[in-house]
Amino acid sequence: MMIKHKMLVQFDVDSTFIQQEAIELLAAKAGVLSEVARITESAMRGEIDFTQSLISRVRLLEGLPYAALKEVQQEIRLTDGAQELVERLHSLEHSVSLVSGGFVQVMAPIVERLSIKYFRANALEIDNGYLTGRIEGEIIDRAAKATALMEFAASSGVDMANTVAIGDGANDLDMMAVAGLSIAFNAKPIVVAAADKSINEPSLRGVIKLLGL
């Protein structure tokens, strides 16, 4: 598919733009990985409400030192082709945004390194160097991801018809519904069924071809 006008391409982060689920990396350090992974899978399949699942998972991280966040930042691995895709989009003067039900503290180095102007994620509350087990401010759920796409499109001067949303889980469905083009990337069946296009391969380079870049 070839889109000739300026685009905004919005990515989900965990298991889409990066290879891991950041909350599971944190959970491993807190010794609660199995409990968190079970809740994550259920939420991704759309079986339970994402917001409640996030609150439940973050509560399990209470008492984890802030230093663990810095460690997780170093452990994050971009999905193959992610950096190349962002650089290609930027070189063609398209806009890129990242939205995540994960955490802004984990995303920060990626956003800075790749010069991504638009991003939104949850903020982990930290007190005296430790996670409190709570989210600070607005919770970024599936509705908030759609709102972010619309706001970022307006800010970057892109018509909604020229927006692209790429995701893999149920919490990406709202932003995919409002985007001009939705792409399911190694996604759950519920997402594949709702998306305009689907990519099942380990690399995001397929998006370059799909968008005619």
N, C-alpha and C. Protein backbone atom coordinates (compact mmCIF):
# COMPACT_ATOMS: atom_id res chain seq x y z
N MET A 1 0.85 -1.20 0.00
CA MET A 1 0.00 0.00 0.00
C MET A 1 0.87 1.24 0.00
N MET A 2 0.57 2.20 -0.83
CA MET A 2 1.36 3.42 -0.94
C MET A 2 0.53 4.60 -0.45
N ILE A 3 1.04 5.30 0.56
CA ILE A 3 0.38 6.50 1.05
C ILE A 3 1.25 7.69 0.68
N LYS A 4 0.71 8.60 -0.11
CA LYS A 4 1.54 9.68 -0.66
C LYS A 4 1.62 10.89 0.26
N HIS A 5 0.65 11.05 1.16
CA HIS A 5 0.64 12.22 2.02
C HIS A 5 1.46 11.97 3.28
N LYS A 6 1.68 13.04 4.04
CA LYS A 6 2.42 12.89 5.29
C LYS A 6 1.66 11.96 6.22
N MET A 7 2.38 11.02 6.81
CA MET A 7 1.78 10.03 7.70
C MET A 7 2.19 10.24 9.15
N LEU A 8 1.38 9.72 10.03
CA LEU A 8 1.75 9.50 11.42
C LEU A 8 1.62 8.00 11.65
N VAL A 9 2.72 7.37 12.02
CA VAL A 9 2.71 5.94 12.29
C VAL A 9 2.86 5.74 13.80
N GLN A 10 1.85 5.14 14.41
CA GLN A 10 1.84 4.95 15.86
C GLN A 10 2.02 3.47 16.20
N PHE A 11 2.97 3.20 17.08
CA PHE A 11 3.28 1.84 17.50
C PHE A 11 2.87 1.60 18.95
N ASP A 12 2.28 0.45 19.20
CA ASP A 12 2.29 -0.09 20.55
C ASP A 12 3.75 -0.41 20.86
N VAL A 13 4.09 -0.46 22.14
CA VAL A 13 5.50 -0.66 22.50
C VAL A 13 5.81 -2.12 22.85
N ASP A 14 5.26 -2.61 23.95
CA ASP A 14 5.62 -3.94 24.43
C ASP A 14 5.19 -5.03 23.45
N SER A 15 6.14 -5.88 23.07
CA SER A 15 5.92 -6.99 22.13
C SER A 15 5.56 -6.53 20.72
N THR A 16 5.71 -5.23 20.46
CA THR A 16 5.54 -4.71 19.10
C THR A 16 6.79 -3.94 18.72
N PHE A 17 7.01 -2.80 19.36
CA PHE A 17 8.20 -2.00 19.06
C PHE A 17 9.43 -2.54 19.78
N ILE A 18 9.20 -3.14 20.95
CA ILE A 18 10.28 -3.84 21.65
C ILE A 18 9.90 -5.32 21.74
N GLN A 19 10.90 -6.15 21.99
CA GLN A 19 10.68 -7.59 21.97
C GLN A 19 10.01 -8.11 23.24
N GLN A 20 10.16 -7.35 24.34
CA GLN A 20 9.69 -7.85 25.62
C GLN A 20 8.44 -7.14 26.12
N GLU A 21 7.90 -7.66 27.24
CA GLU A 21 6.88 -6.98 28.01
C GLU A 21 7.61 -6.38 29.22
N ALA A 22 7.73 -5.05 29.25
CA ALA A 22 8.54 -4.41 30.28
C ALA A 22 8.08 -4.76 31.69
N ILE A 23 6.78 -4.88 31.88
CA ILE A 23 6.29 -5.18 33.23
C ILE A 23 6.74 -6.56 33.68
N GLU A 24 6.94 -7.47 32.73
CA GLU A 24 7.41 -8.80 33.10
C GLU A 24 8.89 -8.78 33.48
N LEU A 25 9.66 -7.91 32.84
CA LEU A 25 11.06 -7.75 33.24
C LEU A 25 11.15 -7.21 34.67
N LEU A 26 10.28 -6.25 34.98
CA LEU A 26 10.24 -5.71 36.34
C LEU A 26 9.75 -6.77 37.33
N ALA A 27 8.74 -7.51 36.90
CA ALA A 27 8.18 -8.54 37.77
C ALA A 27 9.21 -9.61 38.12
N ALA A 28 10.06 -9.95 37.15
CA ALA A 28 11.10 -10.94 37.41
C ALA A 28 12.03 -10.47 38.52
N LYS A 29 12.33 -9.19 38.52
CA LYS A 29 13.22 -8.63 39.56
C LYS A 29 12.51 -8.57 40.91
N ALA A 30 11.18 -8.50 40.89
CA ALA A 30 10.41 -8.45 42.14
C ALA A 30 10.00 -9.85 42.61
N GLY A 31 10.31 -10.88 41.80
CA GLY A 31 9.97 -12.24 42.18
C GLY A 31 8.51 -12.60 42.00
N VAL A 32 7.82 -11.87 41.13
CA VAL A 32 6.38 -12.11 40.93
C VAL A 32 6.05 -12.34 39.45
N LEU A 33 7.00 -12.87 38.70
CA LEU A 33 6.82 -13.00 37.25
C LEU A 33 5.64 -13.87 36.87
N SER A 34 5.48 -15.01 37.50
CA SER A 34 4.40 -15.92 37.09
C SER A 34 3.03 -15.29 37.30
N GLU A 35 2.85 -14.59 38.42
CA GLU A 35 1.57 -13.94 38.68
C GLU A 35 1.29 -12.84 37.67
N VAL A 36 2.29 -12.02 37.37
CA VAL A 36 2.13 -10.91 36.43
C VAL A 36 1.92 -11.43 35.01
N ALA A 37 2.67 -12.43 34.60
CA ALA A 37 2.54 -12.97 33.24
C ALA A 37 1.15 -13.54 33.00
N ARG A 38 0.58 -14.17 34.02
CA ARG A 38 -0.75 -14.75 33.90
C ARG A 38 -1.80 -13.66 33.68
N ILE A 39 -1.68 -12.56 34.42
CA ILE A 39 -2.62 -11.45 34.27
C ILE A 39 -2.43 -10.77 32.92
N THR A 40 -1.17 -10.60 32.50
CA THR A 40 -0.87 -9.97 31.21
C THR A 40 -1.50 -10.74 30.05
N GLU A 41 -1.33 -12.05 30.04
CA GLU A 41 -1.87 -12.87 28.95
C GLU A 41 -3.39 -12.76 28.88
N SER A 42 -4.02 -12.79 30.02
CA SER A 42 -5.48 -12.71 30.05
C SER A 42 -5.97 -11.37 29.52
N ALA A 43 -5.24 -10.29 29.89
CA ALA A 43 -5.61 -8.95 29.41
C ALA A 43 -5.40 -8.82 27.91
N MET A 44 -4.29 -9.37 27.41
CA MET A 44 -3.98 -9.26 25.99
C MET A 44 -5.01 -9.99 25.13
N ARG A 45 -5.58 -11.05 25.68
CA ARG A 45 -6.61 -11.80 24.95
C ARG A 45 -7.97 -11.14 25.06
N GLY A 46 -8.06 -10.09 25.87
CA GLY A 46 -9.31 -9.37 26.02
C GLY A 46 -10.26 -10.01 27.01
N GLU A 47 -9.74 -10.91 27.83
CA GLU A 47 -10.59 -11.64 28.77
C GLU A 47 -10.91 -10.81 30.02
N ILE A 48 -10.00 -9.92 30.40
CA ILE A 48 -10.23 -9.06 31.56
C ILE A 48 -9.91 -7.62 31.17
N ASP A 49 -10.48 -6.69 31.92
CA ASP A 49 -10.29 -5.27 31.67
C ASP A 49 -8.82 -4.88 31.83
N PHE A 50 -8.29 -4.15 30.84
CA PHE A 50 -6.87 -3.80 30.87
C PHE A 50 -6.52 -2.93 32.07
N THR A 51 -7.36 -1.94 32.36
CA THR A 51 -7.05 -1.02 33.46
C THR A 51 -6.95 -1.76 34.78
N GLN A 52 -7.91 -2.62 35.04
CA GLN A 52 -7.87 -3.38 36.29
C GLN A 52 -6.67 -4.32 36.32
N SER A 53 -6.35 -4.90 35.18
CA SER A 53 -5.20 -5.81 35.13
C SER A 53 -3.90 -5.05 35.39
N LEU A 54 -3.81 -3.82 34.85
CA LEU A 54 -2.61 -3.02 35.08
C LEU A 54 -2.46 -2.66 36.55
N ILE A 55 -3.55 -2.23 37.16
CA ILE A 55 -3.52 -1.88 38.58
C ILE A 55 -3.07 -3.09 39.41
N SER A 56 -3.61 -4.26 39.07
CA SER A 56 -3.27 -5.48 39.81
C SER A 56 -1.80 -5.85 39.64
N ARG A 57 -1.29 -5.72 38.42
CA ARG A 57 0.10 -6.08 38.17
C ARG A 57 1.06 -5.10 38.83
N VAL A 58 0.77 -3.81 38.72
CA VAL A 58 1.66 -2.81 39.31
C VAL A 58 1.68 -2.93 40.83
N ARG A 59 0.55 -3.30 41.42
CA ARG A 59 0.49 -3.47 42.87
C ARG A 59 1.50 -4.53 43.32
N LEU A 60 1.73 -5.53 42.49
CA LEU A 60 2.68 -6.59 42.82
C LEU A 60 4.13 -6.11 42.81
N LEU A 61 4.36 -4.92 42.21
CA LEU A 61 5.73 -4.38 42.13
C LEU A 61 6.08 -3.48 43.32
N GLU A 62 5.17 -3.35 44.25
CA GLU A 62 5.41 -2.48 45.40
C GLU A 62 6.69 -2.88 46.13
N GLY A 63 7.53 -1.87 46.43
CA GLY A 63 8.77 -2.11 47.16
C GLY A 63 9.98 -2.36 46.29
N LEU A 64 9.78 -2.47 44.96
CA LEU A 64 10.91 -2.68 44.05
C LEU A 64 11.74 -1.40 43.99
N PRO A 65 13.05 -1.48 44.14
CA PRO A 65 13.87 -0.25 44.10
C PRO A 65 13.92 0.37 42.71
N TYR A 66 14.06 1.69 42.67
CA TYR A 66 14.14 2.42 41.40
C TYR A 66 15.29 1.91 40.55
N ALA A 67 16.34 1.44 41.18
CA ALA A 67 17.50 0.92 40.44
C ALA A 67 17.10 -0.20 39.49
N ALA A 68 16.05 -0.95 39.84
CA ALA A 68 15.59 -2.03 38.96
C ALA A 68 15.07 -1.48 37.64
N LEU A 69 14.47 -0.29 37.67
CA LEU A 69 14.01 0.35 36.43
C LEU A 69 15.18 0.65 35.51
N LYS A 70 16.26 1.13 36.08
CA LYS A 70 17.45 1.43 35.28
C LYS A 70 18.02 0.14 34.66
N GLU A 71 17.96 -0.95 35.41
CA GLU A 71 18.43 -2.23 34.88
C GLU A 71 17.57 -2.69 33.71
N VAL A 72 16.27 -2.54 33.87
CA VAL A 72 15.35 -2.95 32.81
C VAL A 72 15.57 -2.11 31.55
N GLN A 73 15.84 -0.84 31.71
CA GLN A 73 16.14 0.01 30.54
C GLN A 73 17.27 -0.59 29.71
N GLN A 74 18.27 -1.14 30.38
CA GLN A 74 19.42 -1.74 29.69
C GLN A 74 19.07 -3.09 29.05
N GLU A 75 18.04 -3.74 29.56
CA GLU A 75 17.68 -5.07 29.06
C GLU A 75 16.73 -5.02 27.87
N ILE A 76 16.09 -3.88 27.65
CA ILE A 76 15.12 -3.75 26.56
C ILE A 76 15.81 -3.93 25.21
N ARG A 77 15.19 -4.71 24.35
CA ARG A 77 15.70 -4.92 23.00
C ARG A 77 14.62 -4.50 21.99
N LEU A 78 15.00 -3.62 21.07
CA LEU A 78 14.06 -3.23 20.02
C LEU A 78 13.74 -4.43 19.13
N THR A 79 12.53 -4.48 18.63
CA THR A 79 12.17 -5.47 17.63
C THR A 79 13.01 -5.24 16.39
N ASP A 80 13.43 -6.32 15.76
CA ASP A 80 14.23 -6.20 14.54
C ASP A 80 13.52 -5.29 13.54
N GLY A 81 14.27 -4.35 12.98
CA GLY A 81 13.72 -3.44 11.97
C GLY A 81 13.07 -2.19 12.54
N ALA A 82 12.89 -2.13 13.86
CA ALA A 82 12.21 -0.97 14.46
C ALA A 82 12.97 0.33 14.22
N GLN A 83 14.26 0.31 14.52
CA GLN A 83 15.05 1.53 14.33
C GLN A 83 15.12 1.92 12.86
N GLU A 84 15.31 0.95 11.99
CA GLU A 84 15.37 1.22 10.55
C GLU A 84 14.06 1.83 10.05
N LEU A 85 12.94 1.32 10.53
CA LEU A 85 11.63 1.82 10.13
C LEU A 85 11.43 3.26 10.59
N VAL A 86 11.78 3.56 11.85
CA VAL A 86 11.64 4.92 12.36
C VAL A 86 12.54 5.88 11.58
N GLU A 87 13.77 5.48 11.33
CA GLU A 87 14.69 6.35 10.58
C GLU A 87 14.19 6.59 9.17
N ARG A 88 13.61 5.57 8.53
CA ARG A 88 13.06 5.73 7.19
C ARG A 88 11.88 6.71 7.20
N LEU A 89 10.99 6.54 8.17
CA LEU A 89 9.84 7.44 8.28
C LEU A 89 10.28 8.88 8.52
N HIS A 90 11.22 9.07 9.43
CA HIS A 90 11.71 10.42 9.72
C HIS A 90 12.40 11.04 8.50
N SER A 91 13.15 10.22 7.75
CA SER A 91 13.86 10.74 6.58
C SER A 91 12.89 11.23 5.50
N LEU A 92 11.68 10.66 5.51
CA LEU A 92 10.65 11.04 4.54
C LEU A 92 9.68 12.07 5.13
N GLU A 93 10.05 12.59 6.31
CA GLU A 93 9.30 13.65 7.01
C GLU A 93 7.93 13.20 7.49
N HIS A 94 7.79 11.90 7.74
CA HIS A 94 6.60 11.38 8.40
C HIS A 94 6.80 11.48 9.91
N SER A 95 5.72 11.37 10.66
CA SER A 95 5.80 11.43 12.11
C SER A 95 5.65 10.04 12.71
N VAL A 96 6.25 9.88 13.88
CA VAL A 96 6.22 8.60 14.59
C VAL A 96 5.77 8.84 16.02
N SER A 97 4.90 7.95 16.53
CA SER A 97 4.52 8.05 17.94
C SER A 97 4.54 6.66 18.57
N LEU A 98 4.83 6.64 19.86
CA LEU A 98 4.81 5.41 20.65
C LEU A 98 3.76 5.57 21.75
N VAL A 99 2.91 4.59 21.90
CA VAL A 99 1.95 4.59 23.01
C VAL A 99 2.03 3.24 23.70
N SER A 100 1.93 3.29 25.02
CA SER A 100 2.14 2.05 25.75
C SER A 100 1.30 1.97 27.01
N GLY A 101 0.78 0.77 27.25
CA GLY A 101 0.18 0.48 28.53
C GLY A 101 1.27 0.16 29.55
N GLY A 102 2.52 0.22 29.08
CA GLY A 102 3.68 0.05 29.94
C GLY A 102 4.06 1.37 30.58
N PHE A 103 5.36 1.61 30.67
CA PHE A 103 5.81 2.70 31.54
C PHE A 103 6.76 3.67 30.86
N VAL A 104 6.49 4.94 31.08
CA VAL A 104 7.29 5.99 30.46
C VAL A 104 8.74 5.94 30.92
N GLN A 105 8.95 5.49 32.16
CA GLN A 105 10.33 5.40 32.66
C GLN A 105 11.15 4.38 31.87
N VAL A 106 10.50 3.33 31.38
CA VAL A 106 11.19 2.32 30.59
C VAL A 106 11.43 2.81 29.16
N MET A 107 10.45 3.54 28.61
CA MET A 107 10.52 4.02 27.23
C MET A 107 11.49 5.17 27.02
N ALA A 108 11.76 5.94 28.06
CA ALA A 108 12.49 7.21 27.92
C ALA A 108 13.78 7.12 27.10
N PRO A 109 14.67 6.16 27.35
CA PRO A 109 15.90 6.11 26.56
C PRO A 109 15.65 5.84 25.08
N ILE A 110 14.62 5.03 24.76
CA ILE A 110 14.29 4.73 23.36
C ILE A 110 13.79 5.97 22.65
N VAL A 111 12.90 6.69 23.31
CA VAL A 111 12.33 7.92 22.75
C VAL A 111 13.44 8.92 22.45
N GLU A 112 14.37 9.04 23.38
CA GLU A 112 15.46 10.01 23.21
C GLU A 112 16.41 9.57 22.09
N ARG A 113 16.77 8.30 22.09
CA ARG A 113 17.76 7.80 21.12
C ARG A 113 17.24 7.89 19.69
N LEU A 114 15.94 7.64 19.51
CA LEU A 114 15.37 7.63 18.16
C LEU A 114 14.68 8.94 17.79
N SER A 115 14.81 9.94 18.66
CA SER A 115 14.23 11.28 18.41
C SER A 115 12.74 11.20 18.09
N ILE A 116 12.02 10.42 18.90
CA ILE A 116 10.57 10.27 18.71
C ILE A 116 9.87 11.38 19.49
N LYS A 117 9.15 12.21 18.76
CA LYS A 117 8.56 13.42 19.35
C LYS A 117 7.30 13.12 20.15
N TYR A 118 6.53 12.14 19.71
CA TYR A 118 5.23 11.89 20.33
C TYR A 118 5.23 10.54 21.06
N PHE A 119 4.91 10.56 22.33
CA PHE A 119 4.85 9.31 23.09
C PHE A 119 3.96 9.50 24.31
N ARG A 120 3.37 8.39 24.74
CA ARG A 120 2.52 8.42 25.92
C ARG A 120 2.53 7.04 26.56
N ALA A 121 2.67 7.02 27.89
CA ALA A 121 2.68 5.76 28.63
C ALA A 121 2.35 6.05 30.08
N ASN A 122 2.21 4.99 30.85
CA ASN A 122 1.92 5.14 32.27
C ASN A 122 3.18 5.52 33.04
N ALA A 123 2.98 6.23 34.13
CA ALA A 123 4.11 6.63 34.99
C ALA A 123 4.01 5.87 36.31
N LEU A 124 5.05 5.13 36.63
CA LEU A 124 5.10 4.42 37.90
C LEU A 124 5.37 5.41 39.03
N GLU A 125 4.58 5.35 40.07
CA GLU A 125 4.81 6.24 41.22
C GLU A 125 6.00 5.73 42.02
N ILE A 126 6.89 6.66 42.35
CA ILE A 126 8.11 6.31 43.09
C ILE A 126 8.21 7.20 44.32
N ASP A 127 8.51 6.59 45.45
CA ASP A 127 8.63 7.34 46.70
C ASP A 127 9.88 6.87 47.44
N ASN A 128 10.77 7.83 47.72
CA ASN A 128 12.02 7.51 48.43
C ASN A 128 12.82 6.39 47.76
N GLY A 129 12.81 6.39 46.41
CA GLY A 129 13.63 5.43 45.68
C GLY A 129 13.01 4.06 45.48
N TYR A 130 11.71 3.91 45.82
CA TYR A 130 11.05 2.61 45.67
C TYR A 130 9.71 2.78 44.98
N LEU A 131 9.31 1.76 44.20
CA LEU A 131 8.00 1.77 43.58
C LEU A 131 6.93 1.60 44.65
N THR A 132 5.88 2.39 44.56
CA THR A 132 4.81 2.33 45.56
C THR A 132 3.75 1.28 45.22
N GLY A 133 3.80 0.77 43.99
CA GLY A 133 2.76 -0.16 43.56
C GLY A 133 1.56 0.54 42.98
N ARG A 134 1.73 1.82 42.65
CA ARG A 134 0.63 2.61 42.08
C ARG A 134 1.08 3.32 40.81
N ILE A 135 0.08 3.68 39.99
CA ILE A 135 0.31 4.48 38.79
C ILE A 135 0.08 5.94 39.14
N GLU A 136 0.93 6.80 38.61
CA GLU A 136 0.81 8.23 38.86
C GLU A 136 0.09 8.87 37.67
N GLY A 137 -1.02 9.56 37.92
CA GLY A 137 -1.73 10.26 36.85
C GLY A 137 -2.62 9.34 36.05
N GLU A 138 -2.93 9.79 34.83
CA GLU A 138 -3.86 9.08 33.95
C GLU A 138 -3.35 7.70 33.57
N ILE A 139 -4.24 6.72 33.57
CA ILE A 139 -3.89 5.39 33.11
C ILE A 139 -4.07 5.32 31.60
N ILE A 140 -3.04 4.87 30.92
CA ILE A 140 -3.08 4.75 29.46
C ILE A 140 -3.65 3.38 29.11
N ASP A 141 -4.93 3.37 28.79
CA ASP A 141 -5.62 2.14 28.42
C ASP A 141 -5.94 2.18 26.93
N ARG A 142 -6.80 1.29 26.47
CA ARG A 142 -7.08 1.22 25.03
C ARG A 142 -7.75 2.49 24.52
N ALA A 143 -8.61 3.10 25.32
CA ALA A 143 -9.26 4.35 24.90
C ALA A 143 -8.25 5.49 24.83
N ALA A 144 -7.33 5.52 25.79
CA ALA A 144 -6.32 6.58 25.83
C ALA A 144 -5.35 6.46 24.65
N LYS A 145 -5.10 5.24 24.19
CA LYS A 145 -4.23 5.06 23.02
C LYS A 145 -4.88 5.66 21.77
N ALA A 146 -6.20 5.49 21.64
CA ALA A 146 -6.92 6.08 20.51
C ALA A 146 -6.91 7.60 20.60
N THR A 147 -7.13 8.11 21.80
CA THR A 147 -7.10 9.56 22.01
C THR A 147 -5.73 10.12 21.66
N ALA A 148 -4.68 9.42 22.07
CA ALA A 148 -3.32 9.86 21.77
C ALA A 148 -3.09 9.94 20.26
N LEU A 149 -3.56 8.93 19.54
CA LEU A 149 -3.38 8.94 18.08
C LEU A 149 -4.04 10.16 17.47
N MET A 150 -5.24 10.48 17.89
CA MET A 150 -5.94 11.64 17.35
C MET A 150 -5.24 12.95 17.73
N GLU A 151 -4.78 13.04 18.96
CA GLU A 151 -4.08 14.25 19.39
C GLU A 151 -2.74 14.41 18.68
N PHE A 152 -2.00 13.33 18.55
CA PHE A 152 -0.70 13.39 17.87
C PHE A 152 -0.87 13.72 16.38
N ALA A 153 -1.92 13.19 15.77
CA ALA A 153 -2.19 13.50 14.36
C ALA A 153 -2.47 14.98 14.20
N ALA A 154 -3.27 15.55 15.09
CA ALA A 154 -3.58 16.98 15.03
C ALA A 154 -2.32 17.81 15.23
N SER A 155 -1.49 17.40 16.20
CA SER A 155 -0.26 18.15 16.51
C SER A 155 0.75 18.12 15.36
N SER A 156 0.77 17.01 14.63
CA SER A 156 1.73 16.87 13.54
C SER A 156 1.16 17.24 12.18
N GLY A 157 -0.11 17.69 12.17
CA GLY A 157 -0.72 18.13 10.93
C GLY A 157 -1.02 17.01 9.96
N VAL A 158 -1.38 15.85 10.49
CA VAL A 158 -1.67 14.69 9.66
C VAL A 158 -3.17 14.39 9.71
N ASP A 159 -3.76 14.20 8.53
CA ASP A 159 -5.17 13.81 8.47
C ASP A 159 -5.32 12.40 9.02
N MET A 160 -6.41 12.13 9.74
CA MET A 160 -6.62 10.80 10.32
C MET A 160 -6.60 9.70 9.27
N ALA A 161 -6.98 10.03 8.04
CA ALA A 161 -6.96 9.04 6.97
C ALA A 161 -5.54 8.57 6.66
N ASN A 162 -4.55 9.37 7.06
CA ASN A 162 -3.15 9.04 6.79
C ASN A 162 -2.41 8.60 8.05
N THR A 163 -3.17 8.15 9.04
CA THR A 163 -2.54 7.59 10.24
C THR A 163 -2.48 6.07 10.13
N VAL A 164 -1.46 5.52 10.76
CA VAL A 164 -1.26 4.07 10.78
C VAL A 164 -1.08 3.65 12.24
N ALA A 165 -1.80 2.63 12.67
CA ALA A 165 -1.66 2.11 14.03
C ALA A 165 -1.20 0.65 13.95
N ILE A 166 -0.16 0.34 14.72
CA ILE A 166 0.43 -1.00 14.69
C ILE A 166 0.43 -1.56 16.11
N GLY A 167 -0.18 -2.73 16.29
CA GLY A 167 -0.24 -3.30 17.63
C GLY A 167 -0.46 -4.80 17.59
N ASP A 168 -0.50 -5.38 18.81
CA ASP A 168 -0.61 -6.84 18.89
C ASP A 168 -1.65 -7.34 19.88
N GLY A 169 -2.15 -6.46 20.76
CA GLY A 169 -3.04 -6.93 21.81
C GLY A 169 -4.38 -6.22 21.83
N ALA A 170 -5.29 -6.73 22.66
CA ALA A 170 -6.64 -6.19 22.73
C ALA A 170 -6.67 -4.71 23.09
N ASN A 171 -5.68 -4.26 23.87
CA ASN A 171 -5.67 -2.85 24.26
C ASN A 171 -5.24 -1.92 23.13
N ASP A 172 -4.93 -2.49 21.96
CA ASP A 172 -4.61 -1.68 20.78
C ASP A 172 -5.81 -1.52 19.84
N LEU A 173 -6.92 -2.18 20.16
CA LEU A 173 -8.05 -2.21 19.23
C LEU A 173 -8.68 -0.84 18.98
N ASP A 174 -8.77 0.00 20.00
CA ASP A 174 -9.41 1.31 19.81
C ASP A 174 -8.60 2.20 18.89
N MET A 175 -7.26 2.23 19.08
CA MET A 175 -6.44 3.09 18.21
C MET A 175 -6.43 2.54 16.79
N MET A 176 -6.50 1.22 16.66
CA MET A 176 -6.53 0.62 15.33
C MET A 176 -7.85 0.93 14.64
N ALA A 177 -8.92 1.06 15.42
CA ALA A 177 -10.24 1.34 14.84
C ALA A 177 -10.33 2.75 14.27
N VAL A 178 -9.63 3.71 14.88
CA VAL A 178 -9.72 5.10 14.42
C VAL A 178 -8.64 5.45 13.39
N ALA A 179 -7.63 4.59 13.24
CA ALA A 179 -6.54 4.87 12.31
C ALA A 179 -6.98 4.67 10.86
N GLY A 180 -6.31 5.37 9.96
CA GLY A 180 -6.59 5.18 8.55
C GLY A 180 -6.22 3.79 8.08
N LEU A 181 -5.16 3.23 8.66
CA LEU A 181 -4.70 1.88 8.34
C LEU A 181 -4.27 1.21 9.63
N SER A 182 -4.76 0.02 9.87
CA SER A 182 -4.36 -0.72 11.07
C SER A 182 -3.60 -1.98 10.67
N ILE A 183 -2.50 -2.22 11.41
CA ILE A 183 -1.65 -3.37 11.12
C ILE A 183 -1.49 -4.21 12.39
N ALA A 184 -1.87 -5.47 12.30
CA ALA A 184 -1.65 -6.41 13.40
C ALA A 184 -0.26 -7.01 13.23
N PHE A 185 0.57 -6.90 14.26
CA PHE A 185 1.95 -7.39 14.19
C PHE A 185 2.13 -8.55 15.17
N ASN A 186 2.28 -9.76 14.62
CA ASN A 186 2.41 -10.96 15.47
C ASN A 186 1.36 -10.93 16.57
N ALA A 187 0.12 -10.70 16.17
CA ALA A 187 -0.92 -10.31 17.10
C ALA A 187 -1.81 -11.47 17.55
N LYS A 188 -2.56 -11.19 18.63
CA LYS A 188 -3.58 -12.11 19.11
C LYS A 188 -4.69 -12.22 18.06
N PRO A 189 -5.37 -13.35 17.99
CA PRO A 189 -6.42 -13.56 16.97
C PRO A 189 -7.47 -12.46 16.93
N ILE A 190 -7.86 -11.93 18.09
CA ILE A 190 -8.88 -10.87 18.13
C ILE A 190 -8.40 -9.62 17.41
N VAL A 191 -7.08 -9.37 17.43
CA VAL A 191 -6.50 -8.20 16.78
C VAL A 191 -6.34 -8.43 15.28
N VAL A 192 -5.90 -9.63 14.92
CA VAL A 192 -5.78 -9.98 13.50
C VAL A 192 -7.13 -9.83 12.80
N ALA A 193 -8.17 -10.27 13.48
CA ALA A 193 -9.52 -10.22 12.89
C ALA A 193 -9.99 -8.79 12.66
N ALA A 194 -9.53 -7.86 13.51
CA ALA A 194 -9.99 -6.47 13.42
C ALA A 194 -9.12 -5.60 12.51
N ALA A 195 -7.89 -6.04 12.24
CA ALA A 195 -6.93 -5.20 11.52
C ALA A 195 -7.15 -5.21 10.01
N ASP A 196 -6.70 -4.12 9.36
CA ASP A 196 -6.75 -4.06 7.89
C ASP A 196 -5.70 -4.98 7.27
N LYS A 197 -4.53 -5.03 7.90
CA LYS A 197 -3.42 -5.84 7.41
C LYS A 197 -2.80 -6.59 8.58
N SER A 198 -2.13 -7.69 8.27
CA SER A 198 -1.50 -8.47 9.32
C SER A 198 -0.10 -8.90 8.88
N ILE A 199 0.86 -8.79 9.80
CA ILE A 199 2.23 -9.21 9.55
C ILE A 199 2.60 -10.25 10.60
N ASN A 200 3.04 -11.42 10.15
CA ASN A 200 3.48 -12.47 11.06
C ASN A 200 4.91 -12.86 10.72
N GLU A 201 5.83 -12.08 11.21
CA GLU A 201 7.26 -12.31 11.02
C GLU A 201 7.99 -11.59 12.14
N PRO A 202 9.24 -11.95 12.41
CA PRO A 202 9.92 -11.36 13.57
C PRO A 202 10.41 -9.93 13.37
N SER A 203 10.29 -9.40 12.16
CA SER A 203 10.85 -8.07 11.87
C SER A 203 9.78 -7.07 11.46
N LEU A 204 9.99 -5.81 11.86
CA LEU A 204 9.11 -4.72 11.45
C LEU A 204 9.45 -4.21 10.05
N ARG A 205 10.45 -4.81 9.41
CA ARG A 205 10.80 -4.36 8.05
C ARG A 205 9.66 -4.59 7.08
N GLY A 206 8.78 -5.54 7.42
CA GLY A 206 7.63 -5.78 6.56
C GLY A 206 6.72 -4.57 6.44
N VAL A 207 6.75 -3.70 7.46
CA VAL A 207 5.93 -2.48 7.43
C VAL A 207 6.47 -1.52 6.37
N ILE A 208 7.80 -1.50 6.20
CA ILE A 208 8.40 -0.64 5.19
C ILE A 208 7.85 -0.98 3.82
N LYS A 209 7.79 -2.26 3.53
CA LYS A 209 7.25 -2.71 2.24
C LYS A 209 5.75 -2.43 2.15
N LEU A 210 5.04 -2.72 3.22
CA LEU A 210 3.59 -2.55 3.23
C LEU A 210 3.18 -1.10 2.97
N LEU A 211 3.95 -0.17 3.52
CA LEU A 211 3.63 1.25 3.37
C LEU A 211 4.27 1.87 2.10
N GLY A 212 4.99 1.07 1.37
CA GLY A 212 5.60 1.58 0.14
C GLY A 212 6.71 2.57 0.39
N LEU A 213 7.46 2.35 1.47
CA LEU A 213 8.54 3.29 1.83
C LEU A 213 9.86 2.93 1.18
